[in-house]
């Protein structure tokens, strides 16, 4: 062991296995974190893709494959895929990701997802509301408002089809109530007419 000028020995770093990578990822605090089986599987998927694309030879793929399943930390997994296009393995959730080498340029910033625009509220057709009100009023007025409910109900239906407004159900209820009151008056007149003939 060599000594420093002031007499203390130089620290000896453990020798890391290299696979001929042009660069090593910068060590981060997350590099020492223990890797899970899922992390190893992701690394193997990157290796498989690189082998299928011809980026790794069979021997190099075999070495890295074995090393991936023996790796204990994120740093060891990151070294296995550091020179591949899929890049270094991401760290755990919330960890700083190891960046690409300078040869690839700066890391692109992820674009935030745009907030969905709220749909404009469709307005309720005023004639449909009027038709419903007149249809309901035809009961206490003994059918006097029935013709108004029928007329405004048909106008409301036409406007709803043309403009795409809301209120089709209101117009339908107004029409039904209006026609019932009109039908009641017609029946009353018919019965009165037949009664007068007797």
Protein backbone atom coordinates (compact mmCIF):
# COMPACT_ATOMS: atom_id res chain seq x y z
CA UNK A 1 0.00 0.00 0.00
CA UNK A 2 1.42 3.37 -1.02
CA UNK A 3 1.70 6.16 1.52
CA UNK A 4 0.64 9.77 1.29
CA UNK A 5 3.31 12.48 1.83
CA UNK A 6 2.28 12.91 5.48
CA UNK A 7 2.72 9.22 6.21
CA UNK A 8 -0.84 7.88 6.06
CA UNK A 9 -1.67 5.10 3.63
CA UNK A 10 -3.87 5.80 0.61
CA UNK A 11 -7.32 4.28 0.99
CA UNK A 12 -7.77 1.25 -1.19
CA UNK A 13 -11.00 1.19 -3.19
CA UNK A 14 -12.52 -2.16 -4.03
CA UNK A 15 -12.07 -3.09 -7.65
CA UNK A 16 -15.34 -2.91 -9.58
CA UNK A 17 -15.97 -5.18 -12.53
CA UNK A 18 -16.11 -3.18 -15.74
CA UNK A 19 -17.81 -4.23 -18.95
CA UNK A 20 -15.95 -1.86 -21.22
CA UNK A 21 -18.36 1.03 -20.63
CA UNK A 22 -17.22 4.39 -21.95
CA UNK A 23 -18.32 6.09 -18.73
CA UNK A 24 -19.49 5.22 -15.27
CA UNK A 25 -22.60 6.77 -13.74
CA UNK A 26 -21.94 9.28 -11.04
CA UNK A 27 -22.49 7.76 -7.60
CA UNK A 28 -25.54 9.09 -5.81
CA UNK A 29 -26.99 8.48 -2.39
CA UNK A 30 -29.43 6.05 -3.99
CA UNK A 31 -26.65 4.01 -5.61
CA UNK A 32 -26.14 2.16 -2.35
CA UNK A 33 -29.82 1.34 -1.87
CA UNK A 34 -30.74 -2.33 -2.10
CA UNK A 35 -32.38 -3.40 -5.36
CA UNK A 36 -35.50 -5.53 -5.54
CA UNK A 37 -36.31 -8.44 -7.85
CA UNK A 38 -38.47 -6.10 -9.94
CA UNK A 39 -35.50 -3.75 -10.40
CA UNK A 40 -33.36 -6.67 -11.55
CA UNK A 41 -36.08 -7.76 -13.99
CA UNK A 42 -36.23 -4.25 -15.47
CA UNK A 43 -32.47 -4.29 -15.94
CA UNK A 44 -32.65 -7.68 -17.65
CA UNK A 45 -35.39 -6.34 -19.96
CA UNK A 46 -33.08 -3.51 -21.03
CA UNK A 47 -30.30 -6.03 -21.62
CA UNK A 48 -32.60 -8.27 -23.67
CA UNK A 49 -33.61 -5.35 -25.86
CA UNK A 50 -29.99 -4.35 -26.37
CA UNK A 51 -29.05 -7.93 -27.28
CA UNK A 52 -31.97 -8.20 -29.71
CA UNK A 53 -30.88 -4.93 -31.38
CA UNK A 54 -27.31 -6.21 -31.74
CA UNK A 55 -25.80 -3.79 -29.23
CA UNK A 56 -24.41 -6.59 -27.07
CA UNK A 57 -22.55 -9.73 -28.08
CA UNK A 58 -23.74 -13.08 -26.77
CA UNK A 59 -20.87 -13.29 -24.27
CA UNK A 60 -21.36 -9.75 -23.03
CA UNK A 61 -25.11 -10.32 -22.71
CA UNK A 62 -24.47 -13.49 -20.70
CA UNK A 63 -22.04 -11.71 -18.36
CA UNK A 64 -24.37 -8.80 -17.77
CA UNK A 65 -27.37 -11.10 -17.36
CA UNK A 66 -25.61 -13.07 -14.62
CA UNK A 67 -24.36 -9.88 -12.99
CA UNK A 68 -27.87 -8.40 -12.99
CA UNK A 69 -29.26 -11.24 -10.90
CA UNK A 70 -26.28 -11.07 -8.54
CA UNK A 71 -26.49 -7.27 -8.14
CA UNK A 72 -27.46 -6.06 -4.70
CA UNK A 73 -27.78 -2.28 -5.20
CA UNK A 74 -29.16 0.25 -7.65
CA UNK A 75 -25.61 1.39 -8.39
CA UNK A 76 -24.60 -2.08 -9.55
CA UNK A 77 -27.69 -2.32 -11.79
CA UNK A 78 -27.06 1.15 -13.21
CA UNK A 79 -23.53 0.16 -14.23
CA UNK A 80 -24.87 -2.75 -16.26
CA UNK A 81 -27.04 -0.59 -18.51
CA UNK A 82 -25.14 2.70 -18.35
CA UNK A 83 -23.87 2.48 -21.95
CA UNK A 84 -27.17 1.35 -23.46
CA UNK A 85 -29.79 3.63 -25.06
CA UNK A 86 -32.38 2.80 -22.41
CA UNK A 87 -29.89 4.45 -20.07
CA UNK A 88 -29.25 3.92 -16.43
CA UNK A 89 -31.91 2.33 -14.29
CA UNK A 90 -34.07 4.87 -12.49
CA UNK A 91 -33.66 5.13 -8.76
CA UNK A 92 -36.39 4.51 -6.25
CA UNK A 93 -39.44 6.74 -6.12
CA UNK A 94 -38.43 10.28 -5.34
CA UNK A 95 -34.73 9.66 -5.98
CA UNK A 96 -32.61 11.75 -8.26
CA UNK A 97 -32.19 9.92 -11.56
CA UNK A 98 -28.71 9.32 -12.91
CA UNK A 99 -28.37 11.46 -16.03
CA UNK A 100 -27.15 10.54 -19.49
CA UNK A 101 -23.57 11.34 -20.45
CA UNK A 102 -22.80 14.73 -21.90
CA UNK A 103 -22.47 13.18 -25.37
CA UNK A 104 -26.25 12.79 -25.48
CA UNK A 105 -26.92 16.42 -24.64
CA UNK A 106 -28.96 17.79 -21.79
CA UNK A 107 -31.79 15.77 -20.36
CA UNK A 108 -35.13 16.92 -21.80
CA UNK A 109 -37.54 18.30 -19.26
CA UNK A 110 -40.74 16.29 -19.03
CA UNK A 111 -43.74 18.20 -20.28
CA UNK A 112 -46.52 18.54 -17.73
CA UNK A 113 -49.83 17.09 -18.74
CA UNK A 114 -52.26 19.83 -19.76
CA UNK A 115 -55.27 20.20 -17.55
CA UNK A 116 -58.42 19.06 -19.35
CA UNK A 117 -60.68 21.89 -20.32
CA UNK A 118 -64.06 21.74 -18.61
CA UNK A 119 -66.95 21.27 -20.96
CA UNK A 120 -69.14 24.34 -21.22
CA UNK A 121 -72.41 23.88 -19.40
CA UNK A 122 -75.32 23.53 -21.77
CA UNK A 123 -78.11 25.88 -20.87
CA UNK A 124 -81.63 24.70 -20.21
CA UNK A 125 -84.10 25.89 -22.84
CA UNK A 126 -86.43 28.56 -21.45
CA UNK A 127 -89.39 27.41 -23.54
CA UNK A 128 -89.04 23.91 -22.03
CA UNK A 129 -89.27 25.39 -18.55
CA UNK A 130 -92.30 27.43 -19.62
CA UNK A 131 -93.96 24.36 -21.10
CA UNK A 132 -93.48 22.42 -17.87
CA UNK A 133 -94.79 25.31 -15.77
CA UNK A 134 -97.88 25.71 -17.96
CA UNK A 135 -98.45 21.94 -17.97
CA UNK A 136 -98.39 21.86 -14.18
CA UNK A 137 -100.62 24.95 -14.01
CA UNK A 138 -103.16 23.31 -16.30
CA UNK A 139 -104.25 21.09 -13.39
CA UNK A 140 -105.34 23.84 -10.94
CA UNK A 141 -106.70 26.02 -13.76
CA UNK A 142 -108.81 23.12 -15.02
CA UNK A 143 -106.90 22.91 -18.30
CA UNK A 144 -106.90 26.60 -19.22
CA UNK A 145 -103.08 26.62 -19.49
CA UNK A 146 -103.04 23.37 -21.53
CA UNK A 147 -102.90 25.02 -24.97
CA UNK A 148 -99.98 27.20 -23.84
CA UNK A 149 -98.14 24.13 -22.55
CA UNK A 150 -98.62 22.34 -25.89
CA UNK A 151 -97.52 25.33 -27.96
CA UNK A 152 -94.43 26.12 -25.88
CA UNK A 153 -93.56 22.42 -25.65
CA UNK A 154 -93.40 22.04 -29.44
CA UNK A 155 -91.38 25.25 -29.82
CA UNK A 156 -89.01 24.04 -27.08
CA UNK A 157 -88.49 20.67 -28.82
CA UNK A 158 -87.62 22.43 -32.09
CA UNK A 159 -85.17 24.79 -30.35
CA UNK A 160 -83.53 21.93 -28.44
CA UNK A 161 -82.93 20.02 -31.69
CA UNK A 162 -81.56 23.12 -33.41
CA UNK A 163 -79.36 24.52 -30.62
CA UNK A 164 -78.47 21.44 -28.61
CA UNK A 165 -79.90 22.89 -25.39
CA UNK A 166 -80.87 20.87 -22.34
CA UNK A 167 -84.47 20.41 -21.26
CA UNK A 168 -85.94 17.80 -23.59
CA UNK A 169 -87.46 15.97 -20.62
CA UNK A 170 -89.04 19.16 -19.28
CA UNK A 171 -90.60 19.90 -22.66
CA UNK A 172 -91.92 16.34 -22.93
CA UNK A 173 -93.56 16.50 -19.49
CA UNK A 174 -95.10 19.89 -20.37
CA UNK A 175 -96.41 18.47 -23.65
CA UNK A 176 -97.94 15.40 -21.96
CA UNK A 177 -99.66 17.48 -19.29
CA UNK A 178 -100.82 20.02 -21.89
CA UNK A 179 -102.23 17.37 -24.22
CA UNK A 180 -104.00 15.64 -21.32
CA UNK A 181 -105.73 18.88 -20.36
CA UNK A 182 -106.63 19.62 -23.98
CA UNK A 183 -107.90 16.05 -24.37
CA UNK A 184 -109.91 16.45 -21.17
CA UNK A 185 -111.59 19.59 -22.53
CA UNK A 186 -112.30 17.92 -25.87
CA UNK A 187 -113.82 14.92 -24.09
CA UNK A 188 -115.88 17.22 -21.89
CA UNK A 189 -117.26 19.07 -24.93
CA UNK A 190 -118.01 15.79 -26.73
CA UNK A 191 -119.87 14.41 -23.73
CA UNK A 192 -121.72 17.67 -23.33
CA UNK A 193 -122.62 17.65 -27.03
CA UNK A 194 -123.95 14.09 -26.89
CA UNK A 195 -125.82 14.87 -23.71
CA UNK A 196 -127.53 17.83 -25.32
CA UNK A 197 -128.65 15.62 -28.22
CA UNK A 198 -130.48 13.22 -25.94
